[in-house]
Amino acid sequence: FDGVRINGVPPYKRKVNTVFQKYALFPHLNVYE
C-alpha cells in the first residue's frame, strides 16, 4: 500500500473501508448514528 508491505496488517489499521452487499447497518441506530 503506497509502497509499504502490509501483509498481516489488520483491517482497522489499513486506510480502507468496505461496503458489503448486505449493507451491515446497525438496526438499533438511526441514520445519523
Full PDB file with SEQRES, HELIX, SHEET, SSBOND, CRYST1, ORIGX, SCALE, CONECT and MASTER records, all heavy atoms in Angstrom:
SEQRES   1 A   33  PHE ASP GLY VAL ARG ILE ASN GLY VAL PRO PRO TYR LYS          
SEQRES   2 A   33  ARG LYS VAL ASN THR VAL PHE GLN LYS TYR ALA LEU PHE          
SEQRES   3 A   33  PRO HIS LEU ASN VAL TYR GLU                                  
HELIX    1 AA1 PRO A   11  LYS A   13  5                                   3    
CRYST1    1.000    1.000    1.000  90.00  90.00  90.00 P 1           1          
ORIGX1      1.000000  0.000000  0.000000        0.00000                         
ORIGX2      0.000000  1.000000  0.000000        0.00000                         
ORIGX3      0.000000  0.000000  1.000000        0.00000                         
SCALE1      1.000000  0.000000  0.000000        0.00000                         
SCALE2      0.000000  1.000000  0.000000        0.00000                         
SCALE3      0.000000  0.000000  1.000000        0.00000                         
ATOM      1  N   PHE A   1       0.866  -1.179   0.000  1.00  0.00           N  
ATOM      2  CA  PHE A   1       0.000   0.000   0.000  1.00  0.00           C  
ATOM      3  C   PHE A   1       0.903   1.228   0.000  1.00  0.00           C  
ATOM      4  O   PHE A   1       1.640   1.470   0.957  1.00  0.00           O  
ATOM      5  CB  PHE A   1      -0.913   0.009   1.220  1.00  0.00           C  
ATOM      6  CG  PHE A   1      -2.023   1.018   1.152  1.00  0.00           C  
ATOM      7  CD1 PHE A   1      -3.317   0.632   0.852  1.00  0.00           C  
ATOM      8  CD2 PHE A   1      -1.765   2.363   1.372  1.00  0.00           C  
ATOM      9  CE1 PHE A   1      -4.338   1.561   0.780  1.00  0.00           C  
ATOM     10  CE2 PHE A   1      -2.774   3.301   1.298  1.00  0.00           C  
ATOM     11  CZ  PHE A   1      -4.069   2.908   1.004  1.00  0.00           C  
ATOM     12  N   ASP A   2       0.852   1.964  -1.095  1.00  0.00           N  
ATOM     13  CA  ASP A   2       1.701   3.153  -1.250  1.00  0.00           C  
ATOM     14  C   ASP A   2       3.170   2.809  -1.019  1.00  0.00           C  
ATOM     15  O   ASP A   2       3.916   3.570  -0.396  1.00  0.00           O  
ATOM     16  CB  ASP A   2       1.252   4.253  -0.296  1.00  0.00           C  
ATOM     17  CG  ASP A   2       1.608   5.643  -0.802  1.00  0.00           C  
ATOM     18  OD1 ASP A   2       2.027   5.760  -1.977  1.00  0.00           O  
ATOM     19  OD2 ASP A   2       1.483   6.608  -0.041  1.00  0.00           O  
ATOM     20  N   GLY A   3       3.575   1.634  -1.504  1.00  0.00           N  
ATOM     21  CA  GLY A   3       4.964   1.204  -1.422  1.00  0.00           C  
ATOM     22  C   GLY A   3       5.346   0.486  -0.153  1.00  0.00           C  
ATOM     23  O   GLY A   3       6.455  -0.023  -0.042  1.00  0.00           O  
ATOM     24  N   VAL A   4       4.428   0.408   0.818  1.00  0.00           N  
ATOM     25  CA  VAL A   4       4.715  -0.240   2.100  1.00  0.00           C  
ATOM     26  C   VAL A   4       4.075  -1.620   2.123  1.00  0.00           C  
ATOM     27  O   VAL A   4       2.879  -1.771   1.831  1.00  0.00           O  
ATOM     28  CB  VAL A   4       4.184   0.603   3.277  1.00  0.00           C  
ATOM     29  CG1 VAL A   4       4.435  -0.105   4.604  1.00  0.00           C  
ATOM     30  CG2 VAL A   4       4.823   1.985   3.275  1.00  0.00           C  
ATOM     31  N   ARG A   5       4.849  -2.647   2.462  1.00  0.00           N  
ATOM     32  CA  ARG A   5       4.325  -4.005   2.550  1.00  0.00           C  
ATOM     33  C   ARG A   5       3.389  -4.104   3.752  1.00  0.00           C  
ATOM     34  O   ARG A   5       3.764  -3.753   4.871  1.00  0.00           O  
ATOM     35  CB  ARG A   5       5.475  -5.010   2.686  1.00  0.00           C  
ATOM     36  CG  ARG A   5       5.043  -6.480   2.682  1.00  0.00           C  
ATOM     37  CD  ARG A   5       6.282  -7.373   2.743  1.00  0.00           C  
ATOM     38  NE  ARG A   5       5.926  -8.796   2.720  1.00  0.00           N  
ATOM     39  CZ  ARG A   5       5.651  -9.515   3.794  1.00  0.00           C  
ATOM     40  NH1 ARG A   5       5.656  -8.941   4.999  1.00  0.00           N  
ATOM     41  NH2 ARG A   5       5.338 -10.799   3.699  1.00  0.00           N  
ATOM     42  N   ILE A   6       2.166  -4.591   3.529  1.00  0.00           N  
ATOM     43  CA  ILE A   6       1.167  -4.606   4.599  1.00  0.00           C  
ATOM     44  C   ILE A   6       0.637  -6.018   4.879  1.00  0.00           C  
ATOM     45  O   ILE A   6      -0.443  -6.156   5.480  1.00  0.00           O  
ATOM     46  CB  ILE A   6      -0.002  -3.652   4.290  1.00  0.00           C  
ATOM     47  CG1 ILE A   6      -0.671  -4.013   2.958  1.00  0.00           C  
ATOM     48  CG2 ILE A   6       0.474  -2.205   4.290  1.00  0.00           C  
ATOM     49  CD1 ILE A   6      -1.955  -3.242   2.712  1.00  0.00           C  
ATOM     50  N   ASN A   7       1.345  -7.035   4.459  1.00  0.00           N  
ATOM     51  CA  ASN A   7       0.929  -8.402   4.820  1.00  0.00           C  
ATOM     52  C   ASN A   7       0.728  -8.493   6.336  1.00  0.00           C  
ATOM     53  O   ASN A   7       1.596  -8.101   7.114  1.00  0.00           O  
ATOM     54  CB  ASN A   7       1.992  -9.414   4.400  1.00  0.00           C  
ATOM     55  CG  ASN A   7       2.099  -9.563   2.899  1.00  0.00           C  
ATOM     56  OD1 ASN A   7       2.142  -8.563   2.185  1.00  0.00           O  
ATOM     57  ND2 ASN A   7       2.159 -10.794   2.413  1.00  0.00           N  
ATOM     58  N   GLY A   8      -0.407  -9.008   6.754  1.00  0.00           N  
ATOM     59  CA  GLY A   8      -0.668  -9.194   8.174  1.00  0.00           C  
ATOM     60  C   GLY A   8      -1.199  -7.984   8.895  1.00  0.00           C  
ATOM     61  O   GLY A   8      -1.619  -8.095  10.063  1.00  0.00           O  
ATOM     62  N   VAL A   9      -1.207  -6.812   8.258  1.00  0.00           N  
ATOM     63  CA  VAL A   9      -1.781  -5.625   8.908  1.00  0.00           C  
ATOM     64  C   VAL A   9      -3.297  -5.785   8.954  1.00  0.00           C  
ATOM     65  O   VAL A   9      -3.932  -6.014   7.926  1.00  0.00           O  
ATOM     66  CB  VAL A   9      -1.401  -4.347   8.131  1.00  0.00           C  
ATOM     67  CG1 VAL A   9      -2.096  -3.125   8.749  1.00  0.00           C  
ATOM     68  CG2 VAL A   9       0.105  -4.156   8.120  1.00  0.00           C  
ATOM     69  N   PRO A  10      -3.918  -5.701  10.138  1.00  0.00           N  
ATOM     70  CA  PRO A  10      -5.362  -5.943  10.249  1.00  0.00           C  
ATOM     71  C   PRO A  10      -6.177  -4.852   9.555  1.00  0.00           C  
ATOM     72  O   PRO A  10      -5.676  -3.742   9.315  1.00  0.00           O  
ATOM     73  CB  PRO A  10      -5.604  -5.949  11.760  1.00  0.00           C  
ATOM     74  CG  PRO A  10      -4.478  -5.148  12.324  1.00  0.00           C  
ATOM     75  CD  PRO A  10      -3.296  -5.403  11.445  1.00  0.00           C  
ATOM     76  N   PRO A  11      -7.442  -5.134   9.248  1.00  0.00           N  
ATOM     77  CA  PRO A  11      -8.272  -4.174   8.501  1.00  0.00           C  
ATOM     78  C   PRO A  11      -8.363  -2.804   9.138  1.00  0.00           C  
ATOM     79  O   PRO A  11      -8.312  -1.791   8.436  1.00  0.00           O  
ATOM     80  CB  PRO A  11      -9.643  -4.863   8.459  1.00  0.00           C  
ATOM     81  CG  PRO A  11      -9.342  -6.323   8.565  1.00  0.00           C  
ATOM     82  CD  PRO A  11      -8.152  -6.419   9.470  1.00  0.00           C  
ATOM     83  N   TYR A  12      -8.492  -2.741  10.466  1.00  0.00           N  
ATOM     84  CA  TYR A  12      -8.718  -1.442  11.103  1.00  0.00           C  
ATOM     85  C   TYR A  12      -7.491  -0.538  11.053  1.00  0.00           C  
ATOM     86  O   TYR A  12      -7.594   0.665  11.313  1.00  0.00           O  
ATOM     87  CB  TYR A  12      -9.195  -1.625  12.550  1.00  0.00           C  
ATOM     88  CG  TYR A  12      -8.146  -2.100  13.520  1.00  0.00           C  
ATOM     89  CD1 TYR A  12      -7.375  -1.203  14.256  1.00  0.00           C  
ATOM     90  CD2 TYR A  12      -7.927  -3.469  13.716  1.00  0.00           C  
ATOM     91  CE1 TYR A  12      -6.420  -1.645  15.145  1.00  0.00           C  
ATOM     92  CE2 TYR A  12      -6.975  -3.915  14.601  1.00  0.00           C  
ATOM     93  CZ  TYR A  12      -6.222  -3.009  15.316  1.00  0.00           C  
ATOM     94  OH  TYR A  12      -5.268  -3.462  16.206  1.00  0.00           O  
ATOM     95  N   LYS A  13      -6.332  -1.115  10.717  1.00  0.00           N  
ATOM     96  CA  LYS A  13      -5.121  -0.308  10.579  1.00  0.00           C  
ATOM     97  C   LYS A  13      -4.847   0.076   9.128  1.00  0.00           C  
ATOM     98  O   LYS A  13      -3.863   0.772   8.853  1.00  0.00           O  
ATOM     99  CB  LYS A  13      -3.914  -1.058  11.147  1.00  0.00           C  
ATOM    100  CG  LYS A  13      -3.941  -1.254  12.650  1.00  0.00           C  
ATOM    101  CD  LYS A  13      -2.649  -1.883  13.139  1.00  0.00           C  
ATOM    102  CE  LYS A  13      -2.665  -2.084  14.647  1.00  0.00           C  
ATOM    103  NZ  LYS A  13      -1.390  -2.683  15.128  1.00  0.00           N  
ATOM    104  N   ARG A  14      -5.673  -0.351   8.218  1.00  0.00           N  
ATOM    105  CA  ARG A  14      -5.482  -0.018   6.804  1.00  0.00           C  
ATOM    106  C   ARG A  14      -6.342   1.190   6.433  1.00  0.00           C  
ATOM    107  O   ARG A  14      -7.396   1.413   7.031  1.00  0.00           O  
ATOM    108  CB  ARG A  14      -5.842  -1.213   5.915  1.00  0.00           C  
ATOM    109  CG  ARG A  14      -4.996  -2.432   6.225  1.00  0.00           C  
ATOM    110  CD  ARG A  14      -5.127  -3.516   5.177  1.00  0.00           C  
ATOM    111  NE  ARG A  14      -4.317  -4.687   5.535  1.00  0.00           N  
ATOM    112  CZ  ARG A  14      -3.996  -5.654   4.707  1.00  0.00           C  
ATOM    113  NH1 ARG A  14      -4.403  -5.622   3.432  1.00  0.00           N  
ATOM    114  NH2 ARG A  14      -3.251  -6.667   5.113  1.00  0.00           N  
ATOM    115  N   LYS A  15      -5.905   1.917   5.429  1.00  0.00           N  
ATOM    116  CA  LYS A  15      -6.610   3.128   5.017  1.00  0.00           C  
ATOM    117  C   LYS A  15      -7.714   2.780   4.022  1.00  0.00           C  
ATOM    118  O   LYS A  15      -7.821   3.371   2.944  1.00  0.00           O  
ATOM    119  CB  LYS A  15      -5.625   4.120   4.421  1.00  0.00           C  
ATOM    120  CG  LYS A  15      -4.479   4.483   5.357  1.00  0.00           C  
ATOM    121  CD  LYS A  15      -3.428   5.308   4.640  1.00  0.00           C  
ATOM    122  CE  LYS A  15      -2.205   5.516   5.533  1.00  0.00           C  
ATOM    123  NZ  LYS A  15      -1.142   6.279   4.851  1.00  0.00           N  
ATOM    124  N   VAL A  16      -8.511   1.804   4.397  1.00  0.00           N  
ATOM    125  CA  VAL A  16      -9.582   1.329   3.520  1.00  0.00           C  
ATOM    126  C   VAL A  16     -10.873   1.174   4.322  1.00  0.00           C  
ATOM    127  O   VAL A  16     -10.845   0.995   5.536  1.00  0.00           O  
ATOM    128  CB  VAL A  16      -9.232  -0.023   2.859  1.00  0.00           C  
ATOM    129  CG1 VAL A  16      -7.929   0.073   2.080  1.00  0.00           C  
ATOM    130  CG2 VAL A  16      -9.157  -1.146   3.882  1.00  0.00           C  
ATOM    131  N   ASN A  17     -11.986   1.250   3.625  1.00  0.00           N  
ATOM    132  CA  ASN A  17     -13.284   0.905   4.179  1.00  0.00           C  
ATOM    133  C   ASN A  17     -13.997  -0.001   3.188  1.00  0.00           C  
ATOM    134  O   ASN A  17     -13.663  -0.018   1.997  1.00  0.00           O  
ATOM    135  CB  ASN A  17     -14.142   2.154   4.454  1.00  0.00           C  
ATOM    136  CG  ASN A  17     -14.018   2.611   5.900  1.00  0.00           C  
ATOM    137  OD1 ASN A  17     -13.509   1.902   6.755  1.00  0.00           O  
ATOM    138  ND2 ASN A  17     -14.490   3.824   6.176  1.00  0.00           N  
ATOM    139  N   THR A  18     -14.999  -0.744   3.657  1.00  0.00           N  
ATOM    140  CA  THR A  18     -15.671  -1.728   2.827  1.00  0.00           C  
ATOM    141  C   THR A  18     -17.180  -1.526   2.871  1.00  0.00           C  
ATOM    142  O   THR A  18     -17.747  -1.270   3.923  1.00  0.00           O  
ATOM    143  CB  THR A  18     -15.341  -3.164   3.297  1.00  0.00           C  
ATOM    144  OG1 THR A  18     -13.912  -3.337   3.315  1.00  0.00           O  
ATOM    145  CG2 THR A  18     -15.952  -4.193   2.369  1.00  0.00           C  
ATOM    146  N   VAL A  19     -17.799  -1.646   1.696  1.00  0.00           N  
ATOM    147  CA  VAL A  19     -19.255  -1.659   1.586  1.00  0.00           C  
ATOM    148  C   VAL A  19     -19.652  -3.059   1.130  1.00  0.00           C  
ATOM    149  O   VAL A  19     -19.228  -3.517   0.062  1.00  0.00           O  
ATOM    150  CB  VAL A  19     -19.764  -0.610   0.582  1.00  0.00           C  
ATOM    151  CG1 VAL A  19     -21.287  -0.713   0.434  1.00  0.00           C  
ATOM    152  CG2 VAL A  19     -19.374   0.789   1.028  1.00  0.00           C  
ATOM    153  N   PHE A  20     -20.484  -3.728   1.934  1.00  0.00           N  
ATOM    154  CA  PHE A  20     -20.882  -5.095   1.628  1.00  0.00           C  
ATOM    155  C   PHE A  20     -22.239  -5.125   0.934  1.00  0.00           C  
ATOM    156  O   PHE A  20     -23.012  -4.173   0.993  1.00  0.00           O  
ATOM    157  CB  PHE A  20     -20.938  -5.933   2.913  1.00  0.00           C  
ATOM    158  CG  PHE A  20     -19.628  -6.024   3.635  1.00  0.00           C  
ATOM    159  CD1 PHE A  20     -19.367  -5.208   4.726  1.00  0.00           C  
ATOM    160  CD2 PHE A  20     -18.650  -6.916   3.216  1.00  0.00           C  
ATOM    161  CE1 PHE A  20     -18.153  -5.282   5.397  1.00  0.00           C  
ATOM    162  CE2 PHE A  20     -17.441  -7.001   3.885  1.00  0.00           C  
ATOM    163  CZ  PHE A  20     -17.188  -6.187   4.974  1.00  0.00           C  
ATOM    164  N   GLN A  21     -22.543  -6.246   0.316  1.00  0.00           N  
ATOM    165  CA  GLN A  21     -23.820  -6.411  -0.365  1.00  0.00           C  
ATOM    166  C   GLN A  21     -24.993  -6.283   0.600  1.00  0.00           C  
ATOM    167  O   GLN A  21     -26.035  -5.736   0.277  1.00  0.00           O  
ATOM    168  CB  GLN A  21     -23.877  -7.765  -1.073  1.00  0.00           C  
ATOM    169  CG  GLN A  21     -25.183  -8.018  -1.820  1.00  0.00           C  
ATOM    170  CD  GLN A  21     -25.175  -9.335  -2.575  1.00  0.00           C  
ATOM    171  OE1 GLN A  21     -24.141  -9.938  -2.774  1.00  0.00           O  
ATOM    172  NE2 GLN A  21     -26.339  -9.773  -2.988  1.00  0.00           N  
ATOM    173  N   LYS A  22     -24.812  -6.783   1.826  1.00  0.00           N  
ATOM    174  CA  LYS A  22     -25.906  -6.777   2.802  1.00  0.00           C  
ATOM    175  C   LYS A  22     -25.874  -5.558   3.712  1.00  0.00           C  
ATOM    176  O   LYS A  22     -26.545  -5.530   4.746  1.00  0.00           O  
ATOM    177  CB  LYS A  22     -25.879  -8.070   3.611  1.00  0.00           C  
ATOM    178  CG  LYS A  22     -26.130  -9.306   2.745  1.00  0.00           C  
ATOM    179  CD  LYS A  22     -26.143 -10.587   3.571  1.00  0.00           C  
ATOM    180  CE  LYS A  22     -26.404 -11.800   2.683  1.00  0.00           C  
ATOM    181  NZ  LYS A  22     -26.393 -13.075   3.450  1.00  0.00           N  
ATOM    182  N   TYR A  23     -25.044  -4.551   3.347  1.00  0.00           N  
ATOM    183  CA  TYR A  23     -25.013  -3.236   3.998  1.00  0.00           C  
ATOM    184  C   TYR A  23     -24.444  -3.248   5.411  1.00  0.00           C  
ATOM    185  O   TYR A  23     -23.672  -2.368   5.772  1.00  0.00           O  
ATOM    186  CB  TYR A  23     -26.396  -2.584   4.035  1.00  0.00           C  
ATOM    187  CG  TYR A  23     -27.176  -2.658   2.758  1.00  0.00           C  
ATOM    188  CD1 TYR A  23     -28.552  -2.765   2.754  1.00  0.00           C  
ATOM    189  CD2 TYR A  23     -26.531  -2.644   1.516  1.00  0.00           C  
ATOM    190  CE1 TYR A  23     -29.281  -2.849   1.578  1.00  0.00           C  
ATOM    191  CE2 TYR A  23     -27.245  -2.732   0.330  1.00  0.00           C  
ATOM    192  CZ  TYR A  23     -28.609  -2.840   0.365  1.00  0.00           C  
ATOM    193  OH  TYR A  23     -29.320  -2.937  -0.791  1.00  0.00           O  
ATOM    194  N   ALA A  24     -24.841  -4.220   6.274  1.00  0.00           N  
ATOM    195  CA  ALA A  24     -24.348  -4.328   7.649  1.00  0.00           C  
ATOM    196  C   ALA A  24     -24.616  -3.061   8.453  1.00  0.00           C  
ATOM    197  O   ALA A  24     -23.794  -2.633   9.264  1.00  0.00           O  
ATOM    198  CB  ALA A  24     -22.843  -4.648   7.646  1.00  0.00           C  
ATOM    199  N   LEU A  25     -25.785  -2.457   8.256  1.00  0.00           N  
ATOM    200  CA  LEU A  25     -26.176  -1.302   9.064  1.00  0.00           C  
ATOM    201  C   LEU A  25     -26.645  -1.768  10.438  1.00  0.00           C  
ATOM    202  O   LEU A  25     -27.129  -2.887  10.603  1.00  0.00           O  
ATOM    203  CB  LEU A  25     -27.293  -0.525   8.372  1.00  0.00           C  
ATOM    204  CG  LEU A  25     -26.959   0.063   6.997  1.00  0.00           C  
ATOM    205  CD1 LEU A  25     -28.188   0.754   6.415  1.00  0.00           C  
ATOM    206  CD2 LEU A  25     -25.787   1.039   7.079  1.00  0.00           C  
ATOM    207  N   PHE A  26     -26.519  -0.883  11.427  1.00  0.00           N  
ATOM    208  CA  PHE A  26     -26.963  -1.203  12.785  1.00  0.00           C  
ATOM    209  C   PHE A  26     -28.454  -0.895  12.906  1.00  0.00           C  
ATOM    210  O   PHE A  26     -28.850   0.284  12.852  1.00  0.00           O  
ATOM    211  CB  PHE A  26     -26.167  -0.402  13.811  1.00  0.00           C  
ATOM    212  CG  PHE A  26     -24.693  -0.667  13.765  1.00  0.00           C  
ATOM    213  CD1 PHE A  26     -23.805   0.331  13.385  1.00  0.00           C  
ATOM    214  CD2 PHE A  26     -24.192  -1.914  14.103  1.00  0.00           C  
ATOM    215  CE1 PHE A  26     -22.442   0.084  13.348  1.00  0.00           C  
ATOM    216  CE2 PHE A  26     -22.823  -2.166  14.065  1.00  0.00           C  
ATOM    217  CZ  PHE A  26     -21.950  -1.166  13.685  1.00  0.00           C  
ATOM    218  N   PRO A  27     -29.308  -1.897  13.094  1.00  0.00           N  
ATOM    219  CA  PRO A  27     -30.751  -1.651  13.098  1.00  0.00           C  
ATOM    220  C   PRO A  27     -31.228  -0.830  14.286  1.00  0.00           C  
ATOM    221  O   PRO A  27     -32.288  -0.199  14.226  1.00  0.00           O  
ATOM    222  CB  PRO A  27     -31.354  -3.068  13.130  1.00  0.00           C  
ATOM    223  CG  PRO A  27     -30.279  -3.932  13.711  1.00  0.00           C  
ATOM    224  CD  PRO A  27     -28.987  -3.335  13.251  1.00  0.00           C  
ATOM    225  N   HIS A  28     -30.453  -0.811  15.384  1.00  0.00           N  
ATOM    226  CA  HIS A  28     -30.883  -0.084  16.583  1.00  0.00           C  
ATOM    227  C   HIS A  28     -30.463   1.381  16.543  1.00  0.00           C  
ATOM    228  O   HIS A  28     -30.800   2.151  17.463  1.00  0.00           O  
ATOM    229  CB  HIS A  28     -30.315  -0.749  17.835  1.00  0.00           C  
ATOM    230  CG  HIS A  28     -28.811  -0.752  17.895  1.00  0.00           C  
ATOM    231  ND1 HIS A  28     -28.039  -1.543  17.061  1.00  0.00           N  
ATOM    232  CD2 HIS A  28     -27.940  -0.043  18.673  1.00  0.00           C  
ATOM    233  CE1 HIS A  28     -26.770  -1.335  17.341  1.00  0.00           C  
ATOM    234  NE2 HIS A  28     -26.678  -0.435  18.309  1.00  0.00           N  
ATOM    235  N   LEU A  29     -29.709   1.773  15.503  1.00  0.00           N  
ATOM    236  CA  LEU A  29     -29.262   3.163  15.386  1.00  0.00           C  
ATOM    237  C   LEU A  29     -29.977   3.838  14.219  1.00  0.00           C  
ATOM    238  O   LEU A  29     -30.305   3.198  13.218  1.00  0.00           O  
ATOM    239  CB  LEU A  29     -27.750   3.222  15.153  1.00  0.00           C  
ATOM    240  CG  LEU A  29     -26.846   2.609  16.224  1.00  0.00           C  
ATOM    241  CD1 LEU A  29     -25.376   2.743  15.811  1.00  0.00           C  
ATOM    242  CD2 LEU A  29     -27.089   3.261  17.582  1.00  0.00           C  
ATOM    243  N   ASN A  30     -30.196   5.146  14.351  1.00  0.00           N  
ATOM    244  CA  ASN A  30     -30.780   5.881  13.232  1.00  0.00           C  
ATOM    245  C   ASN A  30     -29.700   6.177  12.181  1.00  0.00           C  
ATOM    246  O   ASN A  30     -28.535   5.788  12.342  1.00  0.00           O  
ATOM    247  CB  ASN A  30     -31.480   7.159  13.708  1.00  0.00           C  
ATOM    248  CG  ASN A  30     -30.519   8.148  14.370  1.00  0.00           C  
ATOM    249  OD1 ASN A  30     -29.313   8.116  14.142  1.00  0.00           O  
ATOM    250  ND2 ASN A  30     -31.078   9.030  15.205  1.00  0.00           N  
ATOM    251  N   VAL A  31     -30.088   6.838  11.123  1.00  0.00           N  
ATOM    252  CA  VAL A  31     -29.167   7.097  10.013  1.00  0.00           C  
ATOM    253  C   VAL A  31     -27.954   7.889  10.491  1.00  0.00           C  
ATOM    254  O   VAL A  31     -26.801   7.552  10.180  1.00  0.00           O  
ATOM    255  CB  VAL A  31     -29.888   7.831   8.863  1.00  0.00           C  
ATOM    256  CG1 VAL A  31     -28.887   8.355   7.836  1.00  0.00           C  
ATOM    257  CG2 VAL A  31     -30.909   6.918   8.202  1.00  0.00           C  
ATOM    258  N   TYR A  32     -28.189   8.940  11.253  1.00  0.00           N  
ATOM    259  CA  TYR A  32     -27.089   9.777  11.738  1.00  0.00           C  
ATOM    260  C   TYR A  32     -26.095   8.952  12.544  1.00  0.00           C  
ATOM    261  O   TYR A  32     -24.873   9.013  12.310  1.00  0.00           O  
ATOM    262  CB  TYR A  32     -27.638  10.917  12.590  1.00  0.00           C  
ATOM    263  CG  TYR A  32     -26.573  11.857  13.119  1.00  0.00           C  
ATOM    264  CD1 TYR A  32     -26.286  13.042  12.460  1.00  0.00           C  
ATOM    265  CD2 TYR A  32     -25.853  11.559  14.289  1.00  0.00           C  
ATOM    266  CE1 TYR A  32     -25.300  13.905  12.932  1.00  0.00           C  
ATOM    267  CE2 TYR A  32     -24.879  12.412  14.778  1.00  0.00           C  
ATOM    268  CZ  TYR A  32     -24.610  13.580  14.101  1.00  0.00           C  
ATOM    269  OH  TYR A  32     -23.637  14.420  14.571  1.00  0.00           O  
ATOM    270  N   GLU A  33     -26.592   8.171  13.501  1.00  0.00           N  
ATOM    271  CA  GLU A  33     -25.698   7.410  14.375  1.00  0.00           C  
ATOM    272  C   GLU A  33     -24.988   6.291  13.617  1.00  0.00           C  
ATOM    273  O   GLU A  33     -23.850   5.937  13.952  1.00  0.00           O  
ATOM    274  CB  GLU A  33     -26.479   6.847  15.561  1.00  0.00           C  
ATOM    275  CG  GLU A  33     -26.978   7.913  16.532  1.00  0.00           C  
ATOM    276  CD  GLU A  33     -25.838   8.734  17.122  1.00  0.00           C  
ATOM    277  OE1 GLU A  33     -24.719   8.186  17.305  1.00  0.00           O  
ATOM    278  OE2 GLU A  33     -26.045   9.929  17.398  1.00  0.00           O  
TER     279      GLU A  33                                                      
MASTER        0    0    0    1    0    0    0    6  278    1    0    3          
END                                                                             
